[in-house]
Amino acid sequence: ARTFKGKGVSFMENQDAWHGKALKPDELERALSELGPVKLSLRGKMAKPLNVKPQRKAPSPHPLLDGAVPLLGEPIAPRAVYGETLAQMSEKIPNIVVLDAEVSNSTYANGFQAVYPKQFFEMYIAEQNMVSVASGLATCGKIPFVSSFAAFLTRAFDQFRMASYSETNLKVIGTHCGVAIGEDGPSQMGLEDIAMFRSLGSIVLHPCDAVSAKRLIASAGIYQGMAYIRLTRNALPVIYRARDRFRIGGSMVLRKSANDVATVVGCGVTVHEALAAYEKLQRRGISVRVIDAYSIAPLDVKTLKQASRETPLMLTVEDHGVSGGMGEAVRTALPENLTPIVSLAVTKTPRSGTAEQLLDYEGISRSAIVKAVTAHVRMRAQNIRSAKKNR
């Protein structure tokens, strides 16, 4: 369009100094004089805007999945159950729709597309438009799930922000998160996504296996509001059974004893690193508590407070940047906590490599957990010896 800002006003026309700047009273008088009398005949009829708000009616019946789940110990990527879970949910909730940014073979949204092709929308590599369309569908009463790589979702931050202000019933799936995706390198690694959605007041869920992924996707589907589900690319061993239940705002205590010297809090892939570290520490005669903080926002504050009272160290481990991540959420939730909180997170510029190499490089691997816990045990022992000498 060939247009000029301030057209018809001599001191404003095609000038760049007037954007977002109000006229002074004398300037306004001059501008109105130059524009001439208002032609009332040019004014058309103005209809009142429609009073349209996102629907808040909860779907019924509750779609918690009671069918077959992956077997215990079976290695399967949490992302691999995304599409099939939504297809199963749609049997009871027909207004689910899925929008994907041309990566449905990687997010596994194509599992839903194969069963419900008319409820699937290919949005191509246009994440901002995808979220805008999804917000419109939510306003019309649909339950939209949008999916892409976690790193690419950051392109649509403004759209997520406006959806949050509008209290839009939007579900977001981010796959290929963290350095554990391996060889693809830093451009493909979602390392800021938890921070982004936490800043918007969104629900943030990060399952560590395929069973918890299925359950949490179902829980997000009936939650009224924005929910972000972070699904890892890696094939991870199934650690939960069909009977296990997961709630928004919950967690799972996976290892616990009366002799725990530390609590290790993980999410996603780091839960498995924490469990492996637990076995290594056990062989050294050191007991630790392991918590799967699958609900990052909101956190299970009650369980975390209990752990902080019962163990002398809390160690958070996450495949995400320090700022805005799970560790920061834990420290914020426990502001008066007397137990030291140490956070292991991605702090270096990532590079290409295997998942194991990159977890170790960033200091969020099982070896890093063992190192942090044993260092704390040594320091605590030294402090106890020093205190005895000073008596």
Protein backbone atom coordinates (compact mmCIF):
# COMPACT_ATOMS: atom_id res chain seq x y z
CA ALA A 1 0.00 0.00 0.00
CA ARG A 2 1.31 3.44 -0.94
CA THR A 3 0.26 5.45 2.06
CA PHE A 4 1.62 8.38 4.06
CA LYS A 5 1.29 8.82 7.79
CA GLY A 6 -0.16 12.19 8.73
CA LYS A 7 -1.51 12.79 5.22
CA GLY A 8 -2.99 16.29 4.85
CA VAL A 9 -1.15 17.87 7.79
CA SER A 10 1.84 19.85 6.57
CA PHE A 11 4.10 19.33 9.57
CA MET A 12 3.22 15.63 10.02
CA GLU A 13 2.89 14.20 6.53
CA ASN A 14 5.46 11.45 5.84
CA GLN A 15 7.50 12.38 8.91
CA ASP A 16 8.97 9.68 11.17
CA ALA A 17 8.91 11.67 14.42
CA TRP A 18 5.18 11.32 15.12
CA HIS A 19 4.75 7.61 15.80
CA GLY A 20 3.13 7.17 19.22
CA LYS A 21 3.41 10.88 19.97
CA ALA A 22 0.41 13.01 20.97
CA LEU A 23 -0.17 16.50 19.55
CA LYS A 24 0.08 19.54 21.77
CA PRO A 25 -3.12 21.67 21.97
CA ASP A 26 -1.83 24.29 19.51
CA GLU A 27 -0.59 21.56 17.12
CA LEU A 28 -3.97 19.83 17.26
CA GLU A 29 -5.76 23.07 16.44
CA ARG A 30 -3.45 23.66 13.47
CA ALA A 31 -3.82 20.07 12.21
CA LEU A 32 -7.62 20.18 12.38
CA SER A 33 -7.60 23.50 10.56
CA GLU A 34 -5.50 22.09 7.72
CA LEU A 35 -7.65 18.95 7.44
CA GLY A 36 -10.78 21.06 7.03
CA PRO A 37 -14.33 20.38 8.18
CA VAL A 38 -15.38 16.82 8.96
CA LYS A 39 -17.54 15.25 6.26
CA LEU A 40 -20.25 13.54 8.28
CA SER A 41 -21.60 11.92 5.13
CA LEU A 42 -18.50 9.70 5.02
CA ARG A 43 -19.29 8.06 8.33
CA GLY A 44 -20.81 4.61 8.01
CA LYS A 45 -22.83 2.61 10.48
CA MET A 46 -20.84 1.09 13.32
CA ALA A 47 -22.12 -2.13 14.83
CA LYS A 48 -21.39 -3.05 18.41
CA PRO A 49 -18.65 -5.70 18.73
CA LEU A 50 -19.71 -9.24 19.44
CA ASN A 51 -19.34 -10.28 23.06
CA VAL A 52 -17.34 -13.44 22.32
CA LYS A 53 -15.26 -15.12 25.01
CA PRO A 54 -13.40 -18.46 25.07
CA GLN A 55 -15.73 -21.23 26.12
CA ARG A 56 -15.09 -22.56 29.60
CA LYS A 57 -17.38 -25.59 29.59
CA ALA A 58 -15.43 -28.63 30.77
CA PRO A 59 -15.59 -31.60 28.40
CA SER A 60 -17.39 -34.70 29.59
CA PRO A 61 -16.74 -37.50 30.27
CA HIS A 62 -13.26 -37.25 31.83
CA PRO A 63 -10.77 -38.69 29.32
CA LEU A 64 -8.27 -40.32 31.66
CA LEU A 65 -6.90 -43.19 29.66
CA ASP A 66 -7.49 -46.67 31.03
CA GLY A 67 -6.37 -48.66 28.03
CA ALA A 68 -3.05 -50.33 27.29
CA VAL A 69 0.14 -48.44 28.08
CA PRO A 70 3.78 -49.14 27.21
CA LEU A 71 5.36 -51.91 29.27
CA LEU A 72 7.63 -51.26 32.23
CA GLY A 73 11.23 -50.87 31.05
CA GLU A 74 10.30 -50.50 27.39
CA PRO A 75 12.37 -47.74 25.75
CA ILE A 76 10.00 -45.32 24.03
CA ALA A 77 10.13 -41.58 23.43
CA PRO A 78 7.47 -39.58 25.32
CA ARG A 79 6.72 -37.69 22.07
CA ALA A 80 5.81 -40.98 20.38
CA VAL A 81 2.51 -41.26 22.29
CA TYR A 82 1.28 -37.72 21.54
CA GLY A 83 -0.86 -38.33 18.46
CA GLU A 84 -2.23 -41.69 19.53
CA THR A 85 -3.21 -40.29 22.93
CA LEU A 86 -5.19 -37.45 21.35
CA ALA A 87 -6.86 -39.89 18.97
CA GLN A 88 -7.95 -41.98 21.95
CA MET A 89 -9.19 -38.88 23.79
CA SER A 90 -11.17 -37.75 20.74
CA GLU A 91 -13.42 -40.77 21.06
CA LYS A 92 -14.89 -39.01 24.10
CA ILE A 93 -14.02 -35.38 23.32
CA PRO A 94 -14.90 -34.79 19.65
CA ASN A 95 -13.98 -31.08 19.64
CA ILE A 96 -10.23 -31.71 19.88
CA VAL A 97 -8.28 -30.32 16.92
CA VAL A 98 -4.56 -30.54 16.20
CA LEU A 99 -2.40 -27.96 14.43
CA ASP A 100 1.20 -28.78 13.54
CA ALA A 101 4.04 -26.71 12.07
CA GLU A 102 5.04 -29.18 9.33
CA VAL A 103 6.89 -31.52 11.68
CA SER A 104 4.07 -33.98 12.39
CA ASN A 105 6.31 -36.96 11.59
CA SER A 106 8.67 -35.78 14.36
CA THR A 107 6.12 -34.59 16.92
CA TYR A 108 3.99 -37.68 16.15
CA ALA A 109 0.95 -35.49 15.56
CA ASN A 110 0.51 -37.61 12.43
CA GLY A 111 -0.81 -40.36 14.70
CA PHE A 112 -3.86 -38.18 15.28
CA GLN A 113 -4.03 -37.10 11.63
CA ALA A 114 -4.25 -40.72 10.47
CA VAL A 115 -7.40 -41.30 12.55
CA TYR A 116 -9.04 -37.85 12.39
CA PRO A 117 -7.79 -36.16 9.20
CA LYS A 118 -10.60 -33.57 9.19
CA GLN A 119 -9.59 -32.41 12.68
CA PHE A 120 -5.92 -32.00 11.75
CA PHE A 121 -4.55 -28.78 10.27
CA GLU A 122 -1.16 -28.59 8.57
CA MET A 123 0.05 -25.06 9.36
CA TYR A 124 3.47 -25.39 7.72
CA ILE A 125 6.51 -23.50 9.03
CA ALA A 126 4.48 -20.55 10.33
CA GLU A 127 4.34 -20.89 14.09
CA GLN A 128 2.90 -17.43 14.74
CA ASN A 129 0.00 -18.03 12.38
CA MET A 130 -0.53 -21.50 13.83
CA VAL A 131 -1.02 -20.12 17.35
CA SER A 132 -3.27 -17.31 16.09
CA VAL A 133 -5.49 -19.79 14.25
CA ALA A 134 -5.56 -22.07 17.28
CA SER A 135 -6.67 -19.17 19.48
CA GLY A 136 -9.53 -18.49 17.09
CA LEU A 137 -10.55 -22.14 17.12
CA ALA A 138 -10.52 -22.10 20.93
CA THR A 139 -12.85 -19.10 20.90
CA CYS A 140 -15.20 -21.14 18.71
CA GLY A 141 -15.32 -23.92 21.30
CA LYS A 142 -12.63 -26.26 19.98
CA ILE A 143 -9.81 -27.65 22.12
CA PRO A 144 -6.71 -26.93 20.02
CA PHE A 145 -3.39 -28.71 20.49
CA VAL A 146 -0.51 -27.02 18.64
CA SER A 147 2.78 -28.83 18.20
CA SER A 148 6.30 -28.12 17.01
CA PHE A 149 9.86 -28.38 18.24
CA ALA A 150 10.23 -26.57 21.57
CA ALA A 151 12.91 -24.29 20.10
CA PHE A 152 10.63 -23.15 17.27
CA LEU A 153 7.75 -22.28 19.60
CA THR A 154 9.72 -19.27 20.84
CA ARG A 155 8.94 -17.60 17.50
CA ALA A 156 5.31 -17.31 18.58
CA PHE A 157 5.90 -15.77 21.99
CA ASP A 158 3.76 -12.71 21.23
CA GLN A 159 0.87 -14.91 20.12
CA PHE A 160 1.17 -17.04 23.27
CA ARG A 161 1.31 -13.86 25.32
CA MET A 162 -1.91 -12.50 23.84
CA ALA A 163 -3.57 -15.92 24.19
CA SER A 164 -2.64 -15.86 27.86
CA TYR A 165 -4.19 -12.42 28.35
CA SER A 166 -7.34 -13.68 26.63
CA GLU A 167 -7.45 -16.76 28.90
CA THR A 168 -7.48 -18.95 25.81
CA ASN A 169 -8.02 -22.68 26.25
CA LEU A 170 -4.88 -23.61 24.33
CA LYS A 171 -2.67 -26.70 24.61
CA VAL A 172 0.93 -26.57 23.42
CA ILE A 173 3.24 -29.49 22.73
CA GLY A 174 6.98 -28.83 22.48
CA THR A 175 9.20 -31.73 21.42
CA HIS A 176 12.97 -32.03 20.87
CA CYS A 177 13.71 -30.16 24.09
CA GLY A 178 17.10 -29.75 25.72
CA VAL A 179 20.62 -30.77 24.77
CA ALA A 180 19.65 -34.44 24.97
CA ILE A 181 18.39 -34.30 21.37
CA GLY A 182 22.07 -34.74 20.53
CA GLU A 183 23.61 -34.33 17.11
CA ASP A 184 21.13 -31.75 15.73
CA GLY A 185 22.97 -29.01 17.59
CA PRO A 186 21.95 -25.85 19.48
CA SER A 187 19.66 -24.37 16.80
CA GLN A 188 17.23 -27.24 17.37
CA MET A 189 17.48 -27.43 21.18
CA GLY A 190 14.63 -25.97 23.22
CA LEU A 191 16.40 -24.45 26.22
CA GLU A 192 14.19 -21.45 27.00
CA ASP A 193 10.71 -22.93 26.62
CA ILE A 194 9.99 -23.61 30.29
CA ALA A 195 10.94 -20.03 31.13
CA MET A 196 8.75 -18.69 28.34
CA PHE A 197 5.60 -20.50 29.43
CA ARG A 198 6.22 -19.98 33.15
CA SER A 199 6.42 -16.24 32.50
CA LEU A 200 2.94 -16.38 30.97
CA GLY A 201 1.35 -18.16 33.92
CA SER A 202 0.80 -21.29 31.84
CA ILE A 203 0.64 -24.80 33.21
CA VAL A 204 4.00 -26.46 32.46
CA LEU A 205 4.27 -30.27 32.43
CA HIS A 206 7.38 -32.34 31.64
CA PRO A 207 6.82 -36.12 31.73
CA CYS A 208 9.80 -38.46 31.91
CA ASP A 209 8.32 -41.51 30.17
CA ALA A 210 5.57 -42.58 27.79
CA VAL A 211 3.06 -43.52 30.52
CA SER A 212 3.28 -40.19 32.33
CA ALA A 213 3.19 -38.46 28.94
CA LYS A 214 -0.15 -40.11 28.07
CA ARG A 215 -1.64 -39.27 31.46
CA LEU A 216 -0.45 -35.66 31.47
CA ILE A 217 -1.60 -35.00 27.89
CA ALA A 218 -5.04 -36.21 29.00
CA SER A 219 -4.95 -33.99 32.10
CA ALA A 220 -3.96 -30.98 29.99
CA GLY A 221 -6.82 -31.71 27.62
CA ILE A 222 -9.45 -31.18 30.31
CA TYR A 223 -7.65 -28.29 32.00
CA GLN A 224 -9.35 -24.99 31.19
CA GLY A 225 -6.59 -22.61 30.11
CA MET A 226 -3.16 -22.64 28.54
CA ALA A 227 -1.04 -25.73 29.16
CA TYR A 228 2.45 -26.54 27.87
CA ILE A 229 3.61 -30.15 27.68
CA ARG A 230 7.34 -30.71 27.09
CA LEU A 231 8.04 -34.05 25.39
CA THR A 232 11.56 -35.37 24.91
CA ARG A 233 12.86 -36.77 21.65
CA ASN A 234 14.90 -39.56 23.24
CA ALA A 235 13.67 -43.08 23.79
CA LEU A 236 13.51 -43.38 27.58
CA PRO A 237 12.72 -46.48 29.68
CA VAL A 238 9.15 -46.65 30.98
CA ILE A 239 9.26 -46.36 34.79
CA TYR A 240 5.54 -46.02 35.55
CA ARG A 241 2.71 -48.54 35.49
CA ALA A 242 -0.83 -48.26 34.14
CA ARG A 243 -2.21 -47.77 37.64
CA ASP A 244 -0.07 -44.68 38.33
CA ARG A 245 -1.94 -41.40 38.24
CA PHE A 246 -0.60 -37.93 37.59
CA ARG A 247 -2.17 -34.63 38.49
CA ILE A 248 -1.42 -31.04 37.59
CA GLY A 249 0.53 -29.71 40.56
CA GLY A 250 1.78 -33.15 41.56
CA SER A 251 5.07 -35.05 41.64
CA MET A 252 6.32 -38.59 42.21
CA VAL A 253 8.75 -39.60 44.96
CA LEU A 254 10.65 -42.43 43.29
CA ARG A 255 13.26 -43.21 45.94
CA LYS A 256 13.12 -42.42 49.65
CA SER A 257 14.62 -43.51 52.96
CA ALA A 258 15.15 -42.20 56.48
CA ASN A 259 18.89 -41.86 55.76
CA ASP A 260 18.72 -39.59 52.70
CA VAL A 261 21.53 -37.02 52.66
CA ALA A 262 20.06 -35.13 49.70
CA THR A 263 16.97 -34.78 47.54
CA VAL A 264 17.51 -34.89 43.79
CA VAL A 265 14.68 -33.23 41.85
CA GLY A 266 14.54 -33.96 38.13
CA CYS A 267 12.13 -33.64 35.21
CA GLY A 268 12.10 -35.33 31.84
CA VAL A 269 15.39 -36.96 30.90
CA THR A 270 17.11 -35.91 34.13
CA VAL A 271 14.78 -38.15 36.14
CA HIS A 272 16.54 -41.10 34.53
CA GLU A 273 19.93 -39.54 35.24
CA ALA A 274 18.87 -39.10 38.87
CA LEU A 275 17.79 -42.74 39.14
CA ALA A 276 21.11 -43.90 37.67
CA ALA A 277 22.97 -41.62 40.09
CA TYR A 278 20.93 -43.11 42.93
CA GLU A 279 22.23 -46.59 42.09
CA LYS A 280 25.83 -45.35 41.94
CA LEU A 281 25.53 -43.55 45.26
CA GLN A 282 23.89 -46.58 46.89
CA ARG A 283 26.98 -48.63 46.06
CA ARG A 284 28.99 -46.03 47.98
CA GLY A 285 26.69 -46.24 50.95
CA ILE A 286 25.03 -42.88 50.24
CA SER A 287 21.23 -42.61 50.17
CA VAL A 288 19.37 -39.88 48.29
CA ARG A 289 15.74 -39.10 47.66
CA VAL A 290 14.62 -38.84 44.02
CA ILE A 291 11.61 -36.76 43.00
CA ASP A 292 10.07 -36.54 39.53
CA ALA A 293 8.83 -32.94 39.34
CA TYR A 294 6.73 -33.59 36.24
CA SER A 295 4.51 -30.59 37.08
CA ILE A 296 6.82 -27.57 36.97
CA ALA A 297 4.03 -25.03 37.07
CA PRO A 298 2.36 -25.42 39.44
CA LEU A 299 4.92 -27.25 41.57
CA ASP A 300 4.15 -29.79 44.24
CA VAL A 301 5.28 -27.41 46.98
CA LYS A 302 4.06 -29.63 49.81
CA THR A 303 6.27 -32.55 48.77
CA LEU A 304 9.27 -30.29 48.13
CA LYS A 305 8.92 -28.61 51.53
CA GLN A 306 8.79 -31.98 53.24
CA ALA A 307 11.92 -33.10 51.38
CA SER A 308 13.73 -29.89 52.32
CA ARG A 309 12.90 -30.49 55.99
CA GLU A 310 14.03 -34.11 55.91
CA THR A 311 17.25 -33.86 53.85
CA PRO A 312 20.21 -31.46 54.25
CA LEU A 313 20.57 -30.71 50.52
CA MET A 314 18.20 -30.18 47.59
CA LEU A 315 19.69 -30.68 44.13
CA THR A 316 17.63 -29.71 41.06
CA VAL A 317 18.71 -31.10 37.69
CA GLU A 318 17.19 -30.04 34.37
CA ASP A 319 17.89 -30.07 30.64
CA HIS A 320 17.05 -26.36 30.30
CA GLY A 321 18.71 -23.02 30.90
CA VAL A 322 19.16 -21.72 34.44
CA SER A 323 16.95 -18.65 34.05
CA GLY A 324 13.26 -19.41 34.39
CA GLY A 325 13.71 -23.15 34.64
CA MET A 326 12.64 -25.79 37.11
CA GLY A 327 15.43 -24.97 39.55
CA GLU A 328 14.39 -21.34 39.68
CA ALA A 329 10.78 -22.44 40.21
CA VAL A 330 11.85 -24.57 43.19
CA ARG A 331 13.87 -21.75 44.76
CA THR A 332 10.95 -19.35 44.27
CA ALA A 333 8.52 -21.81 45.85
CA LEU A 334 10.77 -22.28 48.90
CA PRO A 335 11.90 -18.70 49.66
CA GLU A 336 12.48 -19.33 53.37
CA ASN A 337 14.09 -22.72 52.88
CA LEU A 338 17.05 -23.30 55.21
CA THR A 339 18.27 -26.31 53.23
CA PRO A 340 20.80 -25.37 50.52
CA ILE A 341 19.41 -25.63 46.98
CA VAL A 342 21.94 -26.39 44.26
CA SER A 343 20.81 -26.22 40.63
CA LEU A 344 22.39 -28.14 37.76
CA ALA A 345 21.24 -26.80 34.40
CA VAL A 346 22.48 -25.96 30.91
CA THR A 347 25.05 -23.17 31.30
CA LYS A 348 27.38 -23.62 28.33
CA THR A 349 26.70 -22.94 24.66
CA PRO A 350 25.61 -26.40 23.43
CA ARG A 351 27.29 -28.27 20.61
CA SER A 352 26.65 -31.38 18.57
CA GLY A 353 27.19 -34.79 20.11
CA THR A 354 25.43 -37.78 21.59
CA ALA A 355 22.88 -37.27 24.33
CA GLU A 356 25.24 -38.81 26.88
CA GLN A 357 28.13 -36.57 25.80
CA LEU A 358 26.04 -33.41 25.96
CA LEU A 359 24.43 -34.18 29.32
CA ASP A 360 27.91 -34.72 30.71
CA TYR A 361 29.29 -31.61 28.96
CA GLU A 362 26.59 -29.44 30.55
CA GLY A 363 27.00 -31.01 33.98
CA ILE A 364 23.49 -32.48 34.21
CA SER A 365 24.37 -36.17 33.84
CA ARG A 366 24.34 -38.98 36.39
CA SER A 367 28.06 -38.44 36.93
CA ALA A 368 27.48 -34.74 37.63
CA ILE A 369 24.78 -35.62 40.16
CA VAL A 370 27.07 -38.10 41.93
CA LYS A 371 29.84 -35.50 42.00
CA ALA A 372 27.57 -32.81 43.47
CA VAL A 373 26.14 -35.10 46.15
CA THR A 374 29.51 -36.54 47.22
CA ALA A 375 31.00 -33.05 47.40
CA HIS A 376 28.17 -32.04 49.72
CA VAL A 377 28.67 -35.15 51.86
CA ARG A 378 32.40 -34.40 52.23
CA MET A 379 31.74 -30.76 53.08
CA ARG A 380 29.10 -31.70 55.63
CA ALA A 381 31.44 -34.22 57.26
CA GLN A 382 34.18 -31.58 57.46
CA ASN A 383 31.79 -29.09 59.05
CA ILE A 384 30.73 -31.66 61.64
CA ARG A 385 34.38 -32.43 62.49
CA SER A 386 35.19 -28.73 62.75
CA ALA A 387 32.21 -28.13 65.03
CA LYS A 388 33.34 -30.94 67.34
CA LYS A 389 36.87 -29.52 67.55
CA ASN A 390 35.57 -26.07 68.47
CA ARG A 391 33.48 -27.32 71.39
